[in-house]
């Protein structure tokens, strides 16, 4: 999974610059970007899977941004 995530940073519009030059709140640990100890997941199939599982899946029912984020952080 680390290989899948780290290989996508260079082409991601949100994380290309922090990956090349981590400053401020961004840190590189084990080839992945963390912001304030939270893993930054670039636009890739894994990100879509995470969002689907916590937002779109029939058992989770989309309940808004805040509750979706809380669900992702818990897991």
PDB file of N, CA and C in Angstrom:
ATOM      1  N   UNK A   1       0.819  -1.175   0.000  1.00  0.00           N
ATOM      2  CA  UNK A   1       0.000   0.000   0.000  1.00  0.00           C
ATOM      3  C   UNK A   1       0.877   1.258   0.000  1.00  0.00           C
ATOM      4  N   UNK A   2       1.985   1.241   0.710  1.00  0.00           N
ATOM      5  CA  UNK A   2       2.892   2.389   0.725  1.00  0.00           C
ATOM      6  C   UNK A   2       3.402   2.686  -0.674  1.00  0.00           C
ATOM      7  N   UNK A   3       3.743   1.650  -1.429  1.00  0.00           N
ATOM      8  CA  UNK A   3       4.199   1.858  -2.813  1.00  0.00           C
ATOM      9  C   UNK A   3       3.106   2.493  -3.659  1.00  0.00           C
ATOM     10  N   UNK A   4       1.876   2.034  -3.492  1.00  0.00           N
ATOM     11  CA  UNK A   4       0.750   2.570  -4.257  1.00  0.00           C
ATOM     12  C   UNK A   4       0.538   4.051  -3.942  1.00  0.00           C
ATOM     13  N   UNK A   5       0.615   4.417  -2.683  1.00  0.00           N
ATOM     14  CA  UNK A   5       0.412   5.804  -2.279  1.00  0.00           C
ATOM     15  C   UNK A   5       1.589   6.674  -2.708  1.00  0.00           C
ATOM     16  N   UNK A   6       2.800   6.273  -2.357  1.00  0.00           N
ATOM     17  CA  UNK A   6       3.969   7.123  -2.606  1.00  0.00           C
ATOM     18  C   UNK A   6       4.233   7.336  -4.093  1.00  0.00           C
ATOM     19  N   UNK A   7       3.868   6.394  -4.932  1.00  0.00           N
ATOM     20  CA  UNK A   7       4.103   6.555  -6.371  1.00  0.00           C
ATOM     21  C   UNK A   7       3.161   7.582  -7.006  1.00  0.00           C
ATOM     22  N   UNK A   8       2.109   7.970  -6.310  1.00  0.00           N
ATOM     23  CA  UNK A   8       1.109   8.891  -6.861  1.00  0.00           C
ATOM     24  C   UNK A   8       1.321  10.355  -6.458  1.00  0.00           C
ATOM     25  N   UNK A   9       2.182  10.625  -5.485  1.00  0.00           N
ATOM     26  CA  UNK A   9       2.355  11.995  -4.995  1.00  0.00           C
ATOM     27  C   UNK A   9       2.863  12.964  -6.053  1.00  0.00           C
ATOM     28  N   UNK A  10       3.828  12.561  -6.850  1.00  0.00           N
ATOM     29  CA  UNK A  10       4.456  13.475  -7.814  1.00  0.00           C
ATOM     30  C   UNK A  10       3.450  14.044  -8.812  1.00  0.00           C
ATOM     31  N   UNK A  11       2.431  13.291  -9.178  1.00  0.00           N
ATOM     32  CA  UNK A  11       1.449  13.749 -10.139  1.00  0.00           C
ATOM     33  C   UNK A  11       0.185  14.325  -9.525  1.00  0.00           C
ATOM     34  N   UNK A  12       0.118  14.380  -8.212  1.00  0.00           N
ATOM     35  CA  UNK A  12      -1.084  14.867  -7.539  1.00  0.00           C
ATOM     36  C   UNK A  12      -1.011  16.386  -7.361  1.00  0.00           C
ATOM     37  N   UNK A  13      -2.068  17.109  -7.773  1.00  0.00           N
ATOM     38  CA  UNK A  13      -2.024  18.573  -7.674  1.00  0.00           C
ATOM     39  C   UNK A  13      -1.949  19.100  -6.239  1.00  0.00           C
ATOM     40  N   UNK A  14      -2.456  18.352  -5.284  1.00  0.00           N
ATOM     41  CA  UNK A  14      -2.430  18.805  -3.891  1.00  0.00           C
ATOM     42  C   UNK A  14      -1.140  18.459  -3.163  1.00  0.00           C
ATOM     43  N   UNK A  15      -0.496  17.373  -3.560  1.00  0.00           N
ATOM     44  CA  UNK A  15       0.625  16.887  -2.768  1.00  0.00           C
ATOM     45  C   UNK A  15       1.969  16.842  -3.486  1.00  0.00           C
ATOM     46  N   UNK A  16       2.037  17.239  -4.750  1.00  0.00           N
ATOM     47  CA  UNK A  16       3.312  17.218  -5.475  1.00  0.00           C
ATOM     48  C   UNK A  16       4.331  18.144  -4.820  1.00  0.00           C
ATOM     49  N   UNK A  17       3.938  19.371  -4.527  1.00  0.00           N
ATOM     50  CA  UNK A  17       4.863  20.333  -3.917  1.00  0.00           C
ATOM     51  C   UNK A  17       5.271  19.926  -2.502  1.00  0.00           C
ATOM     52  N   UNK A  18       4.340  19.556  -1.617  1.00  0.00           N
ATOM     53  CA  UNK A  18       4.761  19.127  -0.280  1.00  0.00           C
ATOM     54  C   UNK A  18       5.627  17.863  -0.297  1.00  0.00           C
ATOM     55  N   UNK A  19       5.412  17.000  -1.287  1.00  0.00           N
ATOM     56  CA  UNK A  19       6.232  15.782  -1.363  1.00  0.00           C
ATOM     57  C   UNK A  19       7.652  16.126  -1.799  1.00  0.00           C
ATOM     58  N   UNK A  20       7.780  17.067  -2.727  1.00  0.00           N
ATOM     59  CA  UNK A  20       9.101  17.479  -3.204  1.00  0.00           C
ATOM     60  C   UNK A  20       9.834  18.304  -2.159  1.00  0.00           C
ATOM     61  N   UNK A  21       9.087  19.111  -1.391  1.00  0.00           N
ATOM     62  CA  UNK A  21       9.701  20.004  -0.415  1.00  0.00           C
ATOM     63  C   UNK A  21       8.777  20.142   0.802  1.00  0.00           C
ATOM     64  N   UNK A  22       8.814  19.154   1.706  1.00  0.00           N
ATOM     65  CA  UNK A  22       7.914  19.204   2.858  1.00  0.00           C
ATOM     66  C   UNK A  22       8.286  20.336   3.814  1.00  0.00           C
ATOM     67  N   UNK A  23       7.353  21.238   4.036  1.00  0.00           N
ATOM     68  CA  UNK A  23       7.577  22.347   4.959  1.00  0.00           C
ATOM     69  C   UNK A  23       6.345  22.519   5.830  1.00  0.00           C
ATOM     70  N   UNK A  24       6.493  23.295   6.856  1.00  0.00           N
ATOM     71  CA  UNK A  24       5.357  23.572   7.736  1.00  0.00           C
ATOM     72  C   UNK A  24       4.846  22.331   8.419  1.00  0.00           C
ATOM     73  N   UNK A  25       3.586  22.026   8.202  1.00  0.00           N
ATOM     74  CA  UNK A  25       2.939  20.901   8.873  1.00  0.00           C
ATOM     75  C   UNK A  25       3.201  19.554   8.201  1.00  0.00           C
ATOM     76  N   UNK A  26       3.773  19.584   7.001  1.00  0.00           N
ATOM     77  CA  UNK A  26       3.988  18.345   6.248  1.00  0.00           C
ATOM     78  C   UNK A  26       5.278  17.662   6.660  1.00  0.00           C
ATOM     79  N   UNK A  27       5.236  16.334   6.765  1.00  0.00           N
ATOM     80  CA  UNK A  27       6.404  15.508   7.075  1.00  0.00           C
ATOM     81  C   UNK A  27       6.363  14.272   6.172  1.00  0.00           C
ATOM     82  N   UNK A  28       7.527  13.797   5.787  1.00  0.00           N
ATOM     83  CA  UNK A  28       7.633  12.550   5.026  1.00  0.00           C
ATOM     84  C   UNK A  28       8.080  11.465   5.994  1.00  0.00           C
ATOM     85  N   UNK A  29       7.282  10.404   6.090  1.00  0.00           N
ATOM     86  CA  UNK A  29       7.640   9.247   6.906  1.00  0.00           C
ATOM     87  C   UNK A  29       7.330   8.004   6.090  1.00  0.00           C
ATOM     88  N   UNK A  30       8.314   7.144   5.949  1.00  0.00           N
ATOM     89  CA  UNK A  30       8.171   5.917   5.169  1.00  0.00           C
ATOM     90  C   UNK A  30       7.612   6.188   3.776  1.00  0.00           C
ATOM     91  N   UNK A  31       8.143   7.215   3.119  1.00  0.00           N
ATOM     92  CA  UNK A  31       7.804   7.618   1.747  1.00  0.00           C
ATOM     93  C   UNK A  31       6.396   8.168   1.590  1.00  0.00           C
ATOM     94  N   UNK A  32       5.694   8.430   2.676  1.00  0.00           N
ATOM     95  CA  UNK A  32       4.347   8.983   2.618  1.00  0.00           C
ATOM     96  C   UNK A  32       4.314  10.341   3.298  1.00  0.00           C
ATOM     97  N   UNK A  33       3.406  11.203   2.837  1.00  0.00           N
ATOM     98  CA  UNK A  33       3.251  12.532   3.422  1.00  0.00           C
ATOM     99  C   UNK A  33       2.243  12.461   4.568  1.00  0.00           C
ATOM    100  N   UNK A  34       2.609  13.096   5.656  1.00  0.00           N
ATOM    101  CA  UNK A  34       1.708  13.254   6.787  1.00  0.00           C
ATOM    102  C   UNK A  34       1.565  14.731   7.090  1.00  0.00           C
ATOM    103  N   UNK A  35       0.352  15.161   7.370  1.00  0.00           N
ATOM    104  CA  UNK A  35       0.099  16.535   7.796  1.00  0.00           C
ATOM    105  C   UNK A  35      -0.523  16.454   9.175  1.00  0.00           C
ATOM    106  N   UNK A  36       0.188  17.001  10.153  1.00  0.00           N
ATOM    107  CA  UNK A  36      -0.283  16.912  11.548  1.00  0.00           C
ATOM    108  C   UNK A  36      -0.577  15.473  11.949  1.00  0.00           C
ATOM    109  N   UNK A  37       0.298  14.558  11.587  1.00  0.00           N
ATOM    110  CA  UNK A  37       0.193  13.135  11.935  1.00  0.00           C
ATOM    111  C   UNK A  37      -0.963  12.412  11.242  1.00  0.00           C
ATOM    112  N   UNK A  38      -1.517  12.997  10.193  1.00  0.00           N
ATOM    113  CA  UNK A  38      -2.595  12.369   9.421  1.00  0.00           C
ATOM    114  C   UNK A  38      -2.051  12.050   8.032  1.00  0.00           C
ATOM    115  N   UNK A  39      -2.224  10.819   7.586  1.00  0.00           N
ATOM    116  CA  UNK A  39      -1.752  10.392   6.280  1.00  0.00           C
ATOM    117  C   UNK A  39      -2.476  11.143   5.176  1.00  0.00           C
ATOM    118  N   UNK A  40      -1.718  11.707   4.238  1.00  0.00           N
ATOM    119  CA  UNK A  40      -2.279  12.380   3.066  1.00  0.00           C
ATOM    120  C   UNK A  40      -2.354  11.364   1.929  1.00  0.00           C
ATOM    121  N   UNK A  41      -3.554  11.074   1.468  1.00  0.00           N
ATOM    122  CA  UNK A  41      -3.751  10.092   0.407  1.00  0.00           C
ATOM    123  C   UNK A  41      -4.017  10.838  -0.897  1.00  0.00           C
ATOM    124  N   UNK A  42      -3.135  10.665  -1.893  1.00  0.00           N
ATOM    125  CA  UNK A  42      -3.323  11.370  -3.165  1.00  0.00           C
ATOM    126  C   UNK A  42      -4.503  10.798  -3.949  1.00  0.00           C
ATOM    127  N   UNK A  43      -4.881  11.515  -5.019  1.00  0.00           N
ATOM    128  CA  UNK A  43      -5.926  11.009  -5.901  1.00  0.00           C
ATOM    129  C   UNK A  43      -5.425   9.731  -6.562  1.00  0.00           C
ATOM    130  N   UNK A  44      -5.963   8.621  -6.151  1.00  0.00           N
ATOM    131  CA  UNK A  44      -5.584   7.320  -6.694  1.00  0.00           C
ATOM    132  C   UNK A  44      -6.714   6.349  -6.368  1.00  0.00           C
ATOM    133  N   UNK A  45      -6.663   5.143  -6.907  1.00  0.00           N
ATOM    134  CA  UNK A  45      -7.739   4.185  -6.627  1.00  0.00           C
ATOM    135  C   UNK A  45      -7.968   3.942  -5.133  1.00  0.00           C
ATOM    136  N   UNK A  46      -6.906   3.973  -4.342  1.00  0.00           N
ATOM    137  CA  UNK A  46      -7.067   3.749  -2.903  1.00  0.00           C
ATOM    138  C   UNK A  46      -7.922   4.843  -2.266  1.00  0.00           C
ATOM    139  N   UNK A  47      -7.710   6.086  -2.665  1.00  0.00           N
ATOM    140  CA  UNK A  47      -8.493   7.201  -2.122  1.00  0.00           C
ATOM    141  C   UNK A  47      -9.972   7.028  -2.467  1.00  0.00           C
ATOM    142  N   UNK A  48     -10.236   6.620  -3.690  1.00  0.00           N
ATOM    143  CA  UNK A  48     -11.617   6.397  -4.102  1.00  0.00           C
ATOM    144  C   UNK A  48     -12.243   5.245  -3.324  1.00  0.00           C
ATOM    145  N   UNK A  49     -11.473   4.214  -3.039  1.00  0.00           N
ATOM    146  CA  UNK A  49     -11.970   3.081  -2.254  1.00  0.00           C
ATOM    147  C   UNK A  49     -12.301   3.512  -0.829  1.00  0.00           C
ATOM    148  N   UNK A  50     -11.417   4.304  -0.233  1.00  0.00           N
ATOM    149  CA  UNK A  50     -11.653   4.793   1.129  1.00  0.00           C
ATOM    150  C   UNK A  50     -12.935   5.620   1.179  1.00  0.00           C
ATOM    151  N   UNK A  51     -13.078   6.547   0.234  1.00  0.00           N
ATOM    152  CA  UNK A  51     -14.291   7.373   0.211  1.00  0.00           C
ATOM    153  C   UNK A  51     -15.546   6.547  -0.040  1.00  0.00           C
ATOM    154  N   UNK A  52     -15.442   5.590  -0.936  1.00  0.00           N
ATOM    155  CA  UNK A  52     -16.602   4.732  -1.201  1.00  0.00           C
ATOM    156  C   UNK A  52     -17.004   3.967   0.043  1.00  0.00           C
ATOM    157  N   UNK A  53     -16.026   3.389   0.714  1.00  0.00           N
ATOM    158  CA  UNK A  53     -16.332   2.569   1.882  1.00  0.00           C
ATOM    159  C   UNK A  53     -16.938   3.376   3.030  1.00  0.00           C
ATOM    160  N   UNK A  54     -16.581   4.647   3.136  1.00  0.00           N
ATOM    161  CA  UNK A  54     -17.050   5.445   4.265  1.00  0.00           C
ATOM    162  C   UNK A  54     -18.145   6.440   3.905  1.00  0.00           C
ATOM    163  N   UNK A  55     -18.419   6.586   2.608  1.00  0.00           N
ATOM    164  CA  UNK A  55     -19.394   7.582   2.205  1.00  0.00           C
ATOM    165  C   UNK A  55     -20.505   6.999   1.342  1.00  0.00           C
ATOM    166  N   UNK A  56     -20.140   6.199   0.363  1.00  0.00           N
ATOM    167  CA  UNK A  56     -21.107   5.756  -0.631  1.00  0.00           C
ATOM    168  C   UNK A  56     -21.675   4.357  -0.396  1.00  0.00           C
ATOM    169  N   UNK A  57     -20.983   3.556   0.384  1.00  0.00           N
ATOM    170  CA  UNK A  57     -21.443   2.184   0.597  1.00  0.00           C
ATOM    171  C   UNK A  57     -22.822   2.192   1.255  1.00  0.00           C
ATOM    172  N   UNK A  58     -23.632   1.251   0.899  1.00  0.00           N
ATOM    173  CA  UNK A  58     -25.013   1.194   1.393  1.00  0.00           C
ATOM    174  C   UNK A  58     -25.073   1.122   2.916  1.00  0.00           C
ATOM    175  N   UNK A  59     -24.099   0.484   3.548  1.00  0.00           N
ATOM    176  CA  UNK A  59     -24.139   0.356   5.002  1.00  0.00           C
ATOM    177  C   UNK A  59     -23.702   1.626   5.714  1.00  0.00           C
ATOM    178  N   UNK A  60     -22.960   2.495   5.039  1.00  0.00           N
ATOM    179  CA  UNK A  60     -22.469   3.693   5.719  1.00  0.00           C
ATOM    180  C   UNK A  60     -23.363   4.907   5.511  1.00  0.00           C
ATOM    181  N   UNK A  61     -24.096   4.967   4.445  1.00  0.00           N
ATOM    182  CA  UNK A  61     -24.993   6.071   4.112  1.00  0.00           C
ATOM    183  C   UNK A  61     -24.279   7.421   4.275  1.00  0.00           C
ATOM    184  N   UNK A  62     -24.210   8.181   3.196  1.00  0.00           N
ATOM    185  CA  UNK A  62     -23.521   9.473   3.226  1.00  0.00           C
ATOM    186  C   UNK A  62     -24.246  10.434   4.161  1.00  0.00           C
ATOM    187  N   UNK A  63     -23.516  10.867   5.204  1.00  0.00           N
ATOM    188  CA  UNK A  63     -24.125  11.743   6.202  1.00  0.00           C
ATOM    189  C   UNK A  63     -23.433  13.096   6.286  1.00  0.00           C
ATOM    190  N   UNK A  64     -22.719  13.475   5.254  1.00  0.00           N
ATOM    191  CA  UNK A  64     -22.056  14.765   5.255  1.00  0.00           C
ATOM    192  C   UNK A  64     -20.561  14.650   5.458  1.00  0.00           C
ATOM    193  N   UNK A  65     -19.875  15.750   5.181  1.00  0.00           N
ATOM    194  CA  UNK A  65     -18.414  15.784   5.226  1.00  0.00           C
ATOM    195  C   UNK A  65     -17.863  15.438   6.613  1.00  0.00           C
ATOM    196  N   UNK A  66     -18.357  16.099   7.644  1.00  0.00           N
ATOM    197  CA  UNK A  66     -17.809  15.930   8.990  1.00  0.00           C
ATOM    198  C   UNK A  66     -17.934  14.490   9.487  1.00  0.00           C
ATOM    199  N   UNK A  67     -19.087  13.885   9.276  1.00  0.00           N
ATOM    200  CA  UNK A  67     -19.285  12.515   9.751  1.00  0.00           C
ATOM    201  C   UNK A  67     -18.493  11.510   8.912  1.00  0.00           C
ATOM    202  N   UNK A  68     -18.354  11.784   7.610  1.00  0.00           N
ATOM    203  CA  UNK A  68     -17.538  10.919   6.762  1.00  0.00           C
ATOM    204  C   UNK A  68     -16.085  10.981   7.203  1.00  0.00           C
ATOM    205  N   UNK A  69     -15.572  12.183   7.451  1.00  0.00           N
ATOM    206  CA  UNK A  69     -14.196  12.346   7.910  1.00  0.00           C
ATOM    207  C   UNK A  69     -13.978  11.664   9.251  1.00  0.00           C
ATOM    208  N   UNK A  70     -14.901  11.794  10.161  1.00  0.00           N
ATOM    209  CA  UNK A  70     -14.800  11.131  11.461  1.00  0.00           C
ATOM    210  C   UNK A  70     -14.742   9.624  11.293  1.00  0.00           C
ATOM    211  N   UNK A  71     -15.556   9.076  10.411  1.00  0.00           N
ATOM    212  CA  UNK A  71     -15.551   7.645  10.158  1.00  0.00           C
ATOM    213  C   UNK A  71     -14.213   7.168   9.596  1.00  0.00           C
ATOM    214  N   UNK A  72     -13.639   7.945   8.678  1.00  0.00           N
ATOM    215  CA  UNK A  72     -12.340   7.594   8.097  1.00  0.00           C
ATOM    216  C   UNK A  72     -11.254   7.651   9.161  1.00  0.00           C
ATOM    217  N   UNK A  73     -11.262   8.680   9.964  1.00  0.00           N
ATOM    218  CA  UNK A  73     -10.238   8.820  11.011  1.00  0.00           C
ATOM    219  C   UNK A  73     -10.314   7.693  12.035  1.00  0.00           C
ATOM    220  N   UNK A  74     -11.518   7.230  12.343  1.00  0.00           N
ATOM    221  CA  UNK A  74     -11.659   6.143  13.308  1.00  0.00           C
ATOM    222  C   UNK A  74     -11.078   4.828  12.812  1.00  0.00           C
ATOM    223  N   UNK A  75     -11.164   4.626  11.495  1.00  0.00           N
ATOM    224  CA  UNK A  75     -10.679   3.359  10.971  1.00  0.00           C
ATOM    225  C   UNK A  75      -9.271   3.503  10.432  1.00  0.00           C
TER     226      UNK A  75
END
